[in-house]
């Protein structure tokens, strides 16, 4: 990268952090900090949910799979879209109708405090720790582009590039500052900004790299055999089906996604948020994955994990490359800020308010929320430094396939079942955990059960179909346990009525007007970036046309958003 790229990165990061600071004044209550006051526009929540799935994993893991195996990476990412559409049909609106501000509040009503405390502590540590892996992966990408002089204080002695641990810590600190200052408003707004910048950047990368490869037809002719197949290697159709199911659980019941459905004014808005999330993941994966796909025919010997960023570096002019790297960094920060905000809220309400200070004022809750944000941020830093020893890709796949079902399925089941209680949730979670341990550490490799002759056939099948075995453990085991417990239990659980009372209370509450402040911030920031790209075009005459086209698109988007805001504000003023 060139000096101008570094300048763009610094300005972008400062702008994102500054934009988050704008929302600090809105944090007058815990609902403002952790549920955006129930006023988030549906499109903001939907795009934020879309970006919450983004992290360095999108560029490192799936970009690497695209480079290595081909279009199977597109199919895997489209599974998220299918899952999100099902969530929109069956779950998103229902979550909003419950009248709760978070999944933790629902669990407290439905099952009581013990399971909430467990989920808060377990997911608030393990889940937050896992985010550190995404930060590490991003740091690895960024550092691969920044060589330093030999002996430099921040250089990695083995590579001569910027130190990965140092960069990981800096990125984590940026995440903490954004979440600390502006709560969920800052998270939602920065998600939308990152979405726009990444989309526009990739829209430019795709035609440029296709031209580099000689066009679409030339790319397909040069692609390896089987490169266009939607399945490859371990990623079979059975894997795809399981991936949809596991992400239906994840997007429909994981706390950070539930927050996107409870922070909008109405149930209809919650459905629309899930639908735009799903629609974007059905349409966009081909565009996201094309750069590493095409790069394979241009350079077949690249580092798999760096294929995405190298493809961008090949075609983007100075300035835009820096913006792309900054947006990638922010996409990872998006996932981290979402998790930080969710679990800072959970610790604030379920630990501090419920167990320590039951009479806490709103100001005290906001202050404790920020303290928990800093503490959990320390766990993210620890994850970014320790997960590389396990292997980032393996850690994320294992965590998703083995533990999502046991942790999330009981929550979704409790939305519709009158009968299951806290014992059923504990039983499902613990049995699911034990099944995960057996599959991961008992039946694979030199596991503690591989020496038992009776289990030899099962062990061989698990090792031959490792990904399918993980998904079966994560999906089928908790599902079967819940079905059995549902059939055995004969009485309605008291928590069911508490949830119904909450639903009635929500219906009696007047709908809130969505805030236009996030859209205003998006318009202003995009206009500022467009001005910066215009200035770069005057300096960089070689790539002036590309930079000016990029700036023009940002001007158009900014102007369109501004026009829509003005229209919405006038309509709101006429109603009031």
Protein backbone atom coordinates (compact mmCIF):
# COMPACT_ATOMS: atom_id res chain seq x y z
CA UNK A 1 0.00 0.00 0.00
CA UNK A 2 1.02 3.61 -0.55
CA UNK A 3 1.10 6.56 1.85
CA UNK A 4 -2.29 7.78 0.68
CA UNK A 5 -3.82 4.40 1.61
CA UNK A 6 -2.55 4.75 5.17
CA UNK A 7 -3.96 8.28 5.36
CA UNK A 8 -7.36 7.05 4.14
CA UNK A 9 -7.36 4.22 6.71
CA UNK A 10 -6.56 6.59 9.58
CA UNK A 11 -9.19 9.13 8.48
CA UNK A 12 -11.81 6.41 8.01
CA UNK A 13 -11.19 4.92 11.44
CA UNK A 14 -11.27 8.35 13.09
CA UNK A 15 -14.50 9.10 11.23
CA UNK A 16 -16.17 5.86 12.35
CA UNK A 17 -15.13 6.41 15.98
CA UNK A 18 -16.25 10.05 15.78
CA UNK A 19 -19.61 9.02 14.34
CA UNK A 20 -20.04 6.66 17.27
CA UNK A 21 -19.33 9.53 19.65
CA UNK A 22 -22.25 11.46 18.15
CA UNK A 23 -24.62 8.93 19.70
CA UNK A 24 -23.10 9.19 23.17
CA UNK A 25 -25.56 11.96 24.03
CA UNK A 26 -28.49 9.67 23.21
CA UNK A 27 -27.50 7.18 25.94
CA UNK A 28 -29.88 8.36 28.66
CA UNK A 29 -31.24 4.93 29.62
CA UNK A 30 -30.36 1.25 29.36
CA UNK A 31 -33.01 0.86 26.65
CA UNK A 32 -31.27 3.56 24.61
CA UNK A 33 -27.91 1.84 25.01
CA UNK A 34 -28.97 -1.76 24.37
CA UNK A 35 -32.19 -1.50 22.30
CA UNK A 36 -31.76 1.86 20.48
CA UNK A 37 -34.85 3.09 22.33
CA UNK A 38 -36.99 0.82 20.13
CA UNK A 39 -36.64 3.40 17.34
CA UNK A 40 -34.21 1.79 14.91
CA UNK A 41 -35.44 1.90 11.29
CA UNK A 42 -36.06 -1.60 9.92
CA UNK A 43 -33.56 -1.16 7.08
CA UNK A 44 -30.84 -0.13 9.54
CA UNK A 45 -31.50 -3.20 11.71
CA UNK A 46 -31.62 -5.48 8.67
CA UNK A 47 -28.37 -4.23 7.17
CA UNK A 48 -26.78 -4.32 10.62
CA UNK A 49 -27.78 -7.98 10.95
CA UNK A 50 -26.30 -8.61 7.51
CA UNK A 51 -23.03 -6.99 8.56
CA UNK A 52 -23.02 -8.86 11.88
CA UNK A 53 -22.42 -12.04 9.85
CA UNK A 54 -19.45 -10.30 8.26
CA UNK A 55 -15.98 -10.45 9.71
CA UNK A 56 -12.52 -11.34 8.55
CA UNK A 57 -13.98 -14.84 8.17
CA UNK A 58 -15.90 -13.66 5.11
CA UNK A 59 -12.66 -12.60 3.46
CA UNK A 60 -10.22 -15.10 4.97
CA UNK A 61 -12.20 -18.33 5.43
CA UNK A 62 -14.81 -18.14 2.66
CA UNK A 63 -12.56 -16.09 0.39
CA UNK A 64 -9.95 -18.82 0.83
CA UNK A 65 -12.50 -21.56 0.08
CA UNK A 66 -13.60 -19.63 -3.03
CA UNK A 67 -10.00 -19.40 -4.20
CA UNK A 68 -9.30 -23.08 -3.46
CA UNK A 69 -12.56 -24.86 -4.36
CA UNK A 70 -14.59 -22.36 -6.41
CA UNK A 71 -18.28 -21.46 -6.40
CA UNK A 72 -19.03 -23.68 -3.40
CA UNK A 73 -18.15 -20.61 -1.29
CA UNK A 74 -21.03 -18.75 -2.96
CA UNK A 75 -23.44 -21.59 -2.13
CA UNK A 76 -22.31 -21.69 1.52
CA UNK A 77 -22.91 -17.96 1.94
CA UNK A 78 -26.32 -18.17 0.24
CA UNK A 79 -27.33 -20.62 2.97
CA UNK A 80 -27.32 -17.64 5.35
CA UNK A 81 -29.88 -15.97 3.11
CA UNK A 82 -32.18 -19.00 3.08
CA UNK A 83 -31.95 -19.26 6.88
CA UNK A 84 -32.67 -15.53 7.35
CA UNK A 85 -35.74 -15.69 5.09
CA UNK A 86 -37.15 -18.52 7.23
CA UNK A 87 -36.42 -16.44 10.34
CA UNK A 88 -38.36 -13.56 8.77
CA UNK A 89 -41.35 -15.80 8.12
CA UNK A 90 -41.44 -17.59 11.47
CA UNK A 91 -39.48 -15.79 14.21
CA UNK A 92 -38.52 -12.13 13.71
CA UNK A 93 -42.00 -10.63 14.05
CA UNK A 94 -42.83 -12.93 16.94
CA UNK A 95 -39.78 -11.70 18.87
CA UNK A 96 -40.99 -8.10 18.57
CA UNK A 97 -44.54 -9.01 19.61
CA UNK A 98 -43.21 -10.34 22.91
CA UNK A 99 -42.56 -6.78 24.08
CA UNK A 100 -39.07 -7.58 25.43
CA UNK A 101 -35.87 -5.61 24.80
CA UNK A 102 -33.57 -8.64 24.54
CA UNK A 103 -33.39 -12.42 24.39
CA UNK A 104 -32.15 -12.39 27.99
CA UNK A 105 -35.34 -10.64 29.13
CA UNK A 106 -37.45 -13.29 27.36
CA UNK A 107 -35.48 -16.13 28.97
CA UNK A 108 -35.95 -14.52 32.38
CA UNK A 109 -39.72 -14.44 31.87
CA UNK A 110 -39.97 -17.88 30.29
CA UNK A 111 -37.49 -19.97 32.27
CA UNK A 112 -36.25 -17.93 35.23
CA UNK A 113 -32.91 -16.55 36.30
CA UNK A 114 -30.63 -19.60 36.47
CA UNK A 115 -30.50 -20.29 32.73
CA UNK A 116 -30.12 -16.56 32.00
CA UNK A 117 -27.13 -16.40 34.32
CA UNK A 118 -25.59 -19.44 32.62
CA UNK A 119 -26.12 -18.07 29.11
CA UNK A 120 -24.85 -14.65 30.16
CA UNK A 121 -21.64 -15.99 31.66
CA UNK A 122 -21.00 -18.75 29.11
CA UNK A 123 -21.88 -16.90 25.90
CA UNK A 124 -20.62 -13.62 27.30
CA UNK A 125 -17.17 -15.14 27.73
CA UNK A 126 -16.83 -17.90 25.11
CA UNK A 127 -18.76 -15.97 22.45
CA UNK A 128 -16.86 -12.76 23.10
CA UNK A 129 -13.59 -14.70 23.21
CA UNK A 130 -14.40 -16.14 19.76
CA UNK A 131 -14.76 -12.64 18.31
CA UNK A 132 -11.07 -12.20 19.05
CA UNK A 133 -10.36 -14.82 16.40
CA UNK A 134 -12.02 -12.70 13.73
CA UNK A 135 -9.98 -9.71 14.85
CA UNK A 136 -6.82 -11.81 14.58
CA UNK A 137 -7.72 -12.96 11.05
CA UNK A 138 -8.28 -9.37 9.98
CA UNK A 139 -5.00 -8.28 11.55
CA UNK A 140 -3.26 -10.98 9.53
CA UNK A 141 -4.73 -9.55 6.30
CA UNK A 142 -3.85 -5.96 7.14
CA UNK A 143 -0.33 -6.79 8.27
CA UNK A 144 0.37 -8.67 5.03
CA UNK A 145 0.08 -5.31 3.23
CA UNK A 146 2.29 -3.25 5.54
CA UNK A 147 6.03 -4.00 5.32
CA UNK A 148 8.27 -2.29 7.86
CA UNK A 149 12.03 -1.64 7.91
CA UNK A 150 14.19 -4.30 9.53
CA UNK A 151 14.44 -3.79 13.26
CA UNK A 152 11.34 -1.56 13.44
CA UNK A 153 9.69 -1.58 16.87
CA UNK A 154 6.32 -2.74 15.44
CA UNK A 155 7.70 -5.23 12.90
CA UNK A 156 7.33 -9.00 13.15
CA UNK A 157 10.90 -10.32 13.17
CA UNK A 158 9.99 -13.45 11.16
CA UNK A 159 8.11 -11.70 8.32
CA UNK A 160 9.29 -8.09 8.33
CA UNK A 161 5.64 -6.99 8.25
CA UNK A 162 3.60 -5.08 10.82
CA UNK A 163 3.13 -7.13 14.01
CA UNK A 164 -0.12 -9.13 14.02
CA UNK A 165 -0.56 -9.10 17.85
CA UNK A 166 -0.05 -5.32 17.97
CA UNK A 167 -2.58 -4.76 15.18
CA UNK A 168 -5.07 -7.11 16.86
CA UNK A 169 -4.92 -5.11 20.08
CA UNK A 170 -5.35 -1.79 18.24
CA UNK A 171 -8.41 -3.11 16.38
CA UNK A 172 -9.90 -4.41 19.63
CA UNK A 173 -9.44 -1.01 21.27
CA UNK A 174 -11.27 0.64 18.36
CA UNK A 175 -14.18 -1.78 18.87
CA UNK A 176 -14.33 -1.00 22.59
CA UNK A 177 -14.36 2.77 21.99
CA UNK A 178 -17.22 2.58 19.45
CA UNK A 179 -19.42 0.39 21.67
CA UNK A 180 -18.48 2.25 24.88
CA UNK A 181 -19.44 5.63 23.47
CA UNK A 182 -22.61 5.12 21.48
CA UNK A 183 -24.20 1.81 22.50
CA UNK A 184 -26.46 0.06 19.98
CA UNK A 185 -27.06 3.29 18.03
CA UNK A 186 -23.35 3.48 17.21
CA UNK A 187 -23.24 -0.23 16.32
CA UNK A 188 -26.22 0.07 13.96
CA UNK A 189 -24.97 3.22 12.26
CA UNK A 190 -21.41 1.99 11.71
CA UNK A 191 -22.79 -1.30 10.34
CA UNK A 192 -24.73 0.58 7.66
CA UNK A 193 -21.71 2.72 6.73
CA UNK A 194 -19.49 -0.33 6.41
CA UNK A 195 -22.12 -2.07 4.29
CA UNK A 196 -22.29 0.81 1.81
CA UNK A 197 -18.50 1.22 1.54
CA UNK A 198 -17.88 -2.50 1.10
CA UNK A 199 -20.61 -2.91 -1.50
CA UNK A 200 -19.44 0.04 -3.59
CA UNK A 201 -15.79 -1.07 -3.30
CA UNK A 202 -16.54 -4.64 -4.38
CA UNK A 203 -18.71 -3.36 -7.24
CA UNK A 204 -15.56 -1.68 -8.54
CA UNK A 205 -13.25 -4.65 -7.87
CA UNK A 206 -15.41 -7.16 -9.78
CA UNK A 207 -15.32 -5.57 -13.28
CA UNK A 208 -11.69 -4.51 -12.87
CA UNK A 209 -10.49 -8.01 -11.98
CA UNK A 210 -12.66 -9.59 -14.69
CA UNK A 211 -10.99 -7.26 -17.21
CA UNK A 212 -7.64 -8.37 -15.82
CA UNK A 213 -8.64 -12.00 -16.48
CA UNK A 214 -9.85 -11.26 -20.01
CA UNK A 215 -13.58 -11.23 -19.28
CA UNK A 216 -16.16 -13.67 -17.90
CA UNK A 217 -15.82 -16.24 -20.68
CA UNK A 218 -12.04 -16.26 -20.42
CA UNK A 219 -12.28 -16.69 -16.65
CA UNK A 220 -14.57 -19.72 -16.99
CA UNK A 221 -12.33 -21.25 -19.66
CA UNK A 222 -9.24 -20.94 -17.46
CA UNK A 223 -10.95 -22.04 -14.22
CA UNK A 224 -9.96 -25.46 -12.81
CA UNK A 225 -12.24 -28.43 -13.41
CA UNK A 226 -15.25 -28.46 -11.07
CA UNK A 227 -14.63 -24.82 -10.08
CA UNK A 228 -18.23 -23.80 -10.88
CA UNK A 229 -19.84 -26.63 -8.91
CA UNK A 230 -21.94 -25.54 -5.88
CA UNK A 231 -20.54 -28.45 -3.83
CA UNK A 232 -16.96 -29.60 -3.36
CA UNK A 233 -14.78 -31.63 -0.99
CA UNK A 234 -16.44 -31.86 2.46
CA UNK A 235 -19.00 -29.21 1.53
CA UNK A 236 -21.70 -31.58 0.26
CA UNK A 237 -25.45 -31.01 -0.20
CA UNK A 238 -25.97 -32.56 3.24
CA UNK A 239 -23.56 -30.01 4.67
CA UNK A 240 -25.50 -27.20 2.95
CA UNK A 241 -28.80 -28.41 4.41
CA UNK A 242 -27.28 -28.62 7.88
CA UNK A 243 -25.70 -25.19 7.46
CA UNK A 244 -29.13 -23.69 6.71
CA UNK A 245 -30.68 -25.34 9.78
CA UNK A 246 -27.87 -24.37 12.16
CA UNK A 247 -28.03 -20.76 10.95
CA UNK A 248 -31.81 -20.71 11.27
CA UNK A 249 -31.14 -21.38 14.96
CA UNK A 250 -28.32 -18.82 15.04
CA UNK A 251 -30.05 -15.96 13.20
CA UNK A 252 -33.38 -16.68 14.86
CA UNK A 253 -32.24 -17.12 18.44
CA UNK A 254 -28.72 -15.84 19.06
CA UNK A 255 -28.80 -12.77 21.25
CA UNK A 256 -27.06 -10.34 18.87
CA UNK A 257 -29.56 -11.14 16.09
CA UNK A 258 -32.61 -11.08 18.38
CA UNK A 259 -31.51 -7.58 19.36
CA UNK A 260 -32.03 -6.54 15.71
CA UNK A 261 -35.69 -7.63 15.90
CA UNK A 262 -36.46 -6.06 19.29
CA UNK A 263 -34.96 -2.62 18.59
CA UNK A 264 -37.43 -1.69 15.81
CA UNK A 265 -40.86 -0.09 16.41
CA UNK A 266 -43.18 -2.88 15.17
CA UNK A 267 -43.37 -6.60 14.45
CA UNK A 268 -43.76 -5.82 10.77
CA UNK A 269 -40.49 -3.87 10.90
CA UNK A 270 -38.78 -6.85 12.54
CA UNK A 271 -39.91 -9.12 9.69
CA UNK A 272 -38.72 -6.62 7.11
CA UNK A 273 -35.34 -6.42 8.86
CA UNK A 274 -34.93 -10.20 8.61
CA UNK A 275 -36.12 -10.25 4.99
CA UNK A 276 -33.66 -7.59 3.83
CA UNK A 277 -30.93 -9.52 5.66
CA UNK A 278 -31.92 -12.72 3.86
CA UNK A 279 -32.41 -11.08 0.47
CA UNK A 280 -28.96 -9.51 0.61
CA UNK A 281 -27.38 -12.88 1.37
CA UNK A 282 -29.25 -14.52 -1.51
CA UNK A 283 -28.12 -11.87 -4.00
CA UNK A 284 -24.70 -10.65 -2.88
CA UNK A 285 -22.47 -13.74 -2.30
CA UNK A 286 -21.60 -14.04 -5.99
CA UNK A 287 -20.31 -10.46 -5.99
CA UNK A 288 -18.47 -10.85 -2.67
CA UNK A 289 -16.73 -14.04 -3.76
CA UNK A 290 -15.87 -13.13 -7.37
CA UNK A 291 -12.55 -11.37 -6.57
CA UNK A 292 -10.85 -14.48 -5.08
CA UNK A 293 -12.60 -16.73 -7.63
CA UNK A 294 -11.16 -14.78 -10.56
CA UNK A 295 -7.82 -14.29 -8.83
CA UNK A 296 -7.34 -18.07 -8.93
CA UNK A 297 -6.85 -17.97 -12.73
CA UNK A 298 -4.48 -15.00 -12.43
CA UNK A 299 -2.30 -16.43 -9.67
CA UNK A 300 -2.70 -20.09 -8.76
CA UNK A 301 0.07 -20.06 -6.13
CA UNK A 302 -1.15 -17.35 -3.75
CA UNK A 303 -1.62 -17.79 0.00
CA UNK A 304 -5.21 -19.06 0.29
CA UNK A 305 -6.04 -16.87 3.29
CA UNK A 306 -4.70 -13.75 1.55
CA UNK A 307 -6.34 -14.36 -1.85
CA UNK A 308 -9.14 -11.85 -1.29
CA UNK A 309 -6.99 -8.91 -0.27
CA UNK A 310 -4.40 -9.70 -2.95
CA UNK A 311 -7.09 -9.64 -5.63
CA UNK A 312 -8.18 -6.20 -4.43
CA UNK A 313 -4.59 -4.97 -4.27
CA UNK A 314 -4.09 -6.04 -7.89
CA UNK A 315 -6.76 -3.74 -9.36
CA UNK A 316 -7.70 -0.98 -6.91
CA UNK A 317 -5.97 2.42 -7.17
CA UNK A 318 -4.21 4.09 -4.26
CA UNK A 319 -6.76 5.51 -1.84
CA UNK A 320 -9.49 3.03 -2.73
CA UNK A 321 -7.26 0.19 -1.55
CA UNK A 322 -6.90 1.92 1.80
CA UNK A 323 -10.65 2.45 1.98
CA UNK A 324 -11.27 -1.24 1.18
CA UNK A 325 -8.88 -2.35 3.95
CA UNK A 326 -10.50 0.10 6.36
CA UNK A 327 -13.96 -1.21 5.46
CA UNK A 328 -12.80 -4.81 5.95
CA UNK A 329 -11.48 -3.80 9.35
CA UNK A 330 -14.77 -2.14 10.17
CA UNK A 331 -16.76 -5.18 9.01
CA UNK A 332 -14.92 -7.29 11.56
CA UNK A 333 -15.38 -4.53 14.12
CA UNK A 334 -19.10 -4.66 13.31
CA UNK A 335 -19.40 -8.28 14.43
CA UNK A 336 -17.38 -7.50 17.54
CA UNK A 337 -19.32 -4.36 18.49
CA UNK A 338 -22.62 -6.23 18.09
CA UNK A 339 -21.52 -8.98 20.47
CA UNK A 340 -20.01 -6.51 22.92
CA UNK A 341 -23.19 -4.45 23.07
CA UNK A 342 -25.42 -7.51 23.53
CA UNK A 343 -23.45 -9.05 26.36
CA UNK A 344 -22.60 -5.77 28.06
CA UNK A 345 -26.38 -5.31 28.18
CA UNK A 346 -26.89 -8.83 29.51
CA UNK A 347 -24.33 -8.41 32.29
CA UNK A 348 -25.76 -4.99 33.16
CA UNK A 349 -29.37 -6.15 33.52
CA UNK A 350 -28.98 -9.78 34.54
CA UNK A 351 -25.98 -9.51 36.89
CA UNK A 352 -25.69 -5.90 38.09
CA UNK A 353 -29.35 -4.85 38.17
CA UNK A 354 -30.87 -8.20 39.11
CA UNK A 355 -28.28 -9.40 41.64
CA UNK A 356 -26.27 -6.40 42.86
CA UNK A 357 -28.29 -3.18 42.63
CA UNK A 358 -31.99 -3.83 42.08
CA UNK A 359 -32.83 -0.13 42.45
CA UNK A 360 -30.24 1.13 39.95
CA UNK A 361 -31.07 4.34 38.10
CA UNK A 362 -30.82 4.64 34.32
CA UNK A 363 -27.60 6.64 34.67
CA UNK A 364 -26.08 3.90 36.82
CA UNK A 365 -27.11 1.23 34.31
CA UNK A 366 -25.53 3.13 31.41
CA UNK A 367 -22.33 3.60 33.43
CA UNK A 368 -22.17 -0.10 34.33
CA UNK A 369 -22.91 -1.00 30.71
CA UNK A 370 -19.82 0.92 29.67
CA UNK A 371 -17.73 -0.72 32.39
CA UNK A 372 -18.83 -4.18 31.25
CA UNK A 373 -18.03 -3.14 27.66
CA UNK A 374 -14.42 -2.46 28.67
CA UNK A 375 -14.12 -5.71 30.64
CA UNK A 376 -15.55 -7.81 27.80
CA UNK A 377 -13.30 -5.93 25.40
CA UNK A 378 -10.38 -7.34 27.36
CA UNK A 379 -11.71 -10.85 26.64
CA UNK A 380 -11.82 -10.01 22.91
CA UNK A 381 -8.17 -8.98 23.11
CA UNK A 382 -7.33 -12.28 24.84
CA UNK A 383 -9.13 -14.22 22.10
CA UNK A 384 -7.25 -12.39 19.36
CA UNK A 385 -3.97 -13.44 20.95
CA UNK A 386 -4.83 -17.05 21.94
CA UNK A 387 -7.16 -18.46 19.25
CA UNK A 388 -4.40 -18.54 16.58
CA UNK A 389 -2.81 -21.36 18.58
CA UNK A 390 -5.94 -23.50 18.01
CA UNK A 391 -6.52 -22.37 14.43
CA UNK A 392 -9.08 -19.68 13.58
CA UNK A 393 -11.01 -21.54 10.88
CA UNK A 394 -11.22 -24.77 12.91
CA UNK A 395 -12.27 -22.87 16.04
CA UNK A 396 -15.14 -21.02 14.31
CA UNK A 397 -16.44 -24.11 12.46
CA UNK A 398 -16.33 -26.23 15.62
CA UNK A 399 -18.01 -23.56 17.73
CA UNK A 400 -20.80 -23.00 15.17
CA UNK A 401 -21.60 -26.60 14.29
CA UNK A 402 -21.26 -28.19 17.73
CA UNK A 403 -22.60 -25.59 20.17
CA UNK A 404 -25.14 -23.40 18.34
CA UNK A 405 -27.91 -26.01 18.57
CA UNK A 406 -27.58 -26.84 22.29
CA UNK A 407 -27.32 -23.14 23.20
CA UNK A 408 -29.98 -21.62 20.93
CA UNK A 409 -32.57 -24.29 20.04
CA UNK A 410 -34.11 -24.39 23.57
CA UNK A 411 -34.71 -20.63 23.33
CA UNK A 412 -36.53 -20.95 20.00
CA UNK A 413 -38.46 -23.98 21.27
CA UNK A 414 -39.57 -21.97 24.30
CA UNK A 415 -41.12 -19.33 22.02
CA UNK A 416 -43.83 -21.79 20.96
CA UNK A 417 -43.95 -24.59 23.54
CA UNK A 418 -46.23 -24.17 26.55
CA UNK A 419 -44.75 -27.10 28.42
CA UNK A 420 -40.96 -27.13 28.54
CA UNK A 421 -39.37 -25.50 31.57
CA UNK A 422 -35.94 -24.68 32.90
CA UNK A 423 -35.10 -28.37 33.54
CA UNK A 424 -35.69 -29.14 29.87
CA UNK A 425 -33.42 -26.27 28.84
CA UNK A 426 -30.66 -27.37 31.22
CA UNK A 427 -31.01 -30.99 30.11
CA UNK A 428 -30.89 -30.15 26.40
CA UNK A 429 -27.90 -27.85 26.82
CA UNK A 430 -25.87 -30.28 28.94
CA UNK A 431 -26.66 -33.34 26.79
CA UNK A 432 -25.81 -31.30 23.69
CA UNK A 433 -22.48 -30.29 25.23
CA UNK A 434 -21.69 -33.91 26.11
CA UNK A 435 -22.53 -35.02 22.57
CA UNK A 436 -20.17 -32.35 21.23
CA UNK A 437 -17.37 -33.59 23.49
CA UNK A 438 -17.95 -37.20 22.39
CA UNK A 439 -17.91 -36.32 18.68
CA UNK A 440 -15.00 -33.89 18.83
CA UNK A 441 -12.72 -35.52 21.39
CA UNK A 442 -14.01 -39.08 21.71
CA UNK A 443 -14.58 -40.42 18.19
CA UNK A 444 -12.00 -38.50 16.14
CA UNK A 445 -8.29 -39.12 15.72
CA UNK A 446 -6.83 -40.47 18.96
CA UNK A 447 -10.03 -39.78 20.90
CA UNK A 448 -10.80 -41.45 24.20
CA UNK A 449 -13.45 -43.73 22.60
CA UNK A 450 -11.61 -44.83 19.45
CA UNK A 451 -10.07 -47.82 21.23
CA UNK A 452 -13.47 -49.41 21.96
CA UNK A 453 -14.07 -52.08 19.32
CA UNK A 454 -17.86 -51.74 19.56
CA UNK A 455 -17.57 -48.09 18.47
CA UNK A 456 -14.98 -48.69 15.76
CA UNK A 457 -17.46 -48.41 12.88
CA UNK A 458 -19.02 -45.22 14.27
CA UNK A 459 -15.59 -43.71 14.84
CA UNK A 460 -14.54 -44.45 11.26
CA UNK A 461 -17.74 -42.85 9.91
CA UNK A 462 -17.25 -39.74 12.07
CA UNK A 463 -13.66 -39.33 10.87
CA UNK A 464 -14.70 -39.86 7.23
CA UNK A 465 -17.60 -37.38 7.49
CA UNK A 466 -16.30 -34.97 10.12
CA UNK A 467 -18.37 -31.93 9.12
CA UNK A 468 -21.61 -33.90 8.82
CA UNK A 469 -20.94 -35.58 12.17
CA UNK A 470 -20.48 -32.19 13.83
CA UNK A 471 -23.73 -30.90 12.34
CA UNK A 472 -25.63 -34.04 13.40
CA UNK A 473 -24.37 -33.60 16.93
CA UNK A 474 -25.26 -29.90 16.96
CA UNK A 475 -28.73 -30.29 15.38
CA UNK A 476 -30.17 -33.77 15.91
CA UNK A 477 -29.14 -34.39 19.53
CA UNK A 478 -30.76 -31.25 21.05
CA UNK A 479 -33.78 -31.62 18.75
CA UNK A 480 -34.42 -35.24 19.80
CA UNK A 481 -33.99 -34.35 23.48
CA UNK A 482 -36.52 -31.51 23.21
CA UNK A 483 -39.04 -33.70 21.35
CA UNK A 484 -38.82 -36.38 24.05
CA UNK A 485 -39.19 -33.84 26.87
CA UNK A 486 -42.11 -32.18 25.08
CA UNK A 487 -43.92 -35.54 24.88
CA UNK A 488 -43.17 -36.46 28.49
CA UNK A 489 -44.24 -33.15 30.07
CA UNK A 490 -48.02 -32.89 30.60
CA UNK A 491 -48.48 -29.47 32.25
CA UNK A 492 -48.12 -25.88 31.12
CA UNK A 493 -45.05 -24.14 32.53
CA UNK A 494 -45.78 -20.93 34.53
CA UNK A 495 -43.29 -19.01 32.41
CA UNK A 496 -45.57 -19.37 29.39
CA UNK A 497 -48.22 -17.16 30.99
CA UNK A 498 -45.63 -14.53 31.95
CA UNK A 499 -44.61 -14.30 28.29
CA UNK A 500 -48.25 -13.98 27.21
CA UNK A 501 -48.72 -11.13 29.69
CA UNK A 502 -45.69 -9.38 28.19
CA UNK A 503 -47.20 -9.74 24.71
CA UNK A 504 -50.43 -8.10 25.86
CA UNK A 505 -48.48 -5.24 27.42
CA UNK A 506 -46.62 -4.66 24.16
CA UNK A 507 -49.86 -4.42 22.18
CA UNK A 508 -51.07 -1.72 24.55
CA UNK A 509 -47.98 0.40 23.88
CA UNK A 510 -48.07 3.08 21.19
CA UNK A 511 -45.76 2.42 18.24
CA UNK A 512 -42.66 4.58 18.16
CA UNK A 513 -41.46 6.65 15.21
CA UNK A 514 -38.22 5.43 13.66
CA UNK A 515 -35.28 7.79 14.06
CA UNK A 516 -33.76 9.43 10.96
CA UNK A 517 -30.48 10.25 12.73
CA UNK A 518 -28.64 7.11 11.49
CA UNK A 519 -29.56 7.95 7.89
CA UNK A 520 -28.35 11.53 8.36
CA UNK A 521 -25.02 10.26 9.66
CA UNK A 522 -24.71 7.89 6.70
CA UNK A 523 -25.39 10.69 4.20
CA UNK A 524 -22.85 13.03 5.81
CA UNK A 525 -20.13 10.38 6.08
CA UNK A 526 -20.58 9.16 2.50
CA UNK A 527 -20.39 12.74 1.24
CA UNK A 528 -17.16 13.25 3.21
CA UNK A 529 -15.63 10.08 1.71
CA UNK A 530 -16.72 11.21 -1.77
CA UNK A 531 -14.94 14.54 -1.26
CA UNK A 532 -11.81 12.67 -0.15
CA UNK A 533 -11.90 10.44 -3.26
CA UNK A 534 -12.38 13.53 -5.47
CA UNK A 535 -9.28 15.14 -3.98
CA UNK A 536 -7.32 11.92 -4.56
CA UNK A 537 -8.44 11.93 -8.20
CA UNK A 538 -6.84 15.35 -8.64
CA UNK A 539 -3.57 14.01 -7.23
CA UNK A 540 -3.53 10.55 -8.84
CA UNK A 541 -3.92 11.27 -12.57
CA UNK A 542 -3.31 7.64 -13.58
CA UNK A 543 -6.37 6.30 -11.74
CA UNK A 544 -8.38 9.53 -11.81
CA UNK A 545 -11.28 8.03 -13.80
CA UNK A 546 -11.82 5.15 -11.37
CA UNK A 547 -11.59 7.44 -8.33
CA UNK A 548 -13.99 9.99 -9.84
CA UNK A 549 -16.51 7.26 -10.73
CA UNK A 550 -16.29 5.95 -7.17
CA UNK A 551 -16.79 9.46 -5.78
CA UNK A 552 -19.72 10.09 -8.11
CA UNK A 553 -21.51 6.94 -6.92
CA UNK A 554 -21.02 7.99 -3.29
CA UNK A 555 -22.35 11.49 -4.08
CA UNK A 556 -25.46 9.96 -5.67
CA UNK A 557 -26.07 7.60 -2.72
CA UNK A 558 -25.52 10.42 -0.21
CA UNK A 559 -27.85 12.77 -2.09
CA UNK A 560 -30.54 10.09 -2.41
CA UNK A 561 -30.39 9.31 1.31
CA UNK A 562 -30.55 13.03 2.14
CA UNK A 563 -33.62 13.48 -0.10
CA UNK A 564 -35.40 10.54 1.56
CA UNK A 565 -34.57 11.92 5.02
CA UNK A 566 -35.98 15.34 4.17
CA UNK A 567 -39.16 13.73 2.90
CA UNK A 568 -39.49 11.56 6.03
CA UNK A 569 -38.89 14.51 8.37
CA UNK A 570 -41.53 16.60 6.60
CA UNK A 571 -44.04 13.74 6.78
CA UNK A 572 -43.34 13.30 10.51
CA UNK A 573 -43.69 17.05 11.11
CA UNK A 574 -47.04 17.18 9.31
CA UNK A 575 -48.37 14.26 11.40
CA UNK A 576 -47.27 15.84 14.68
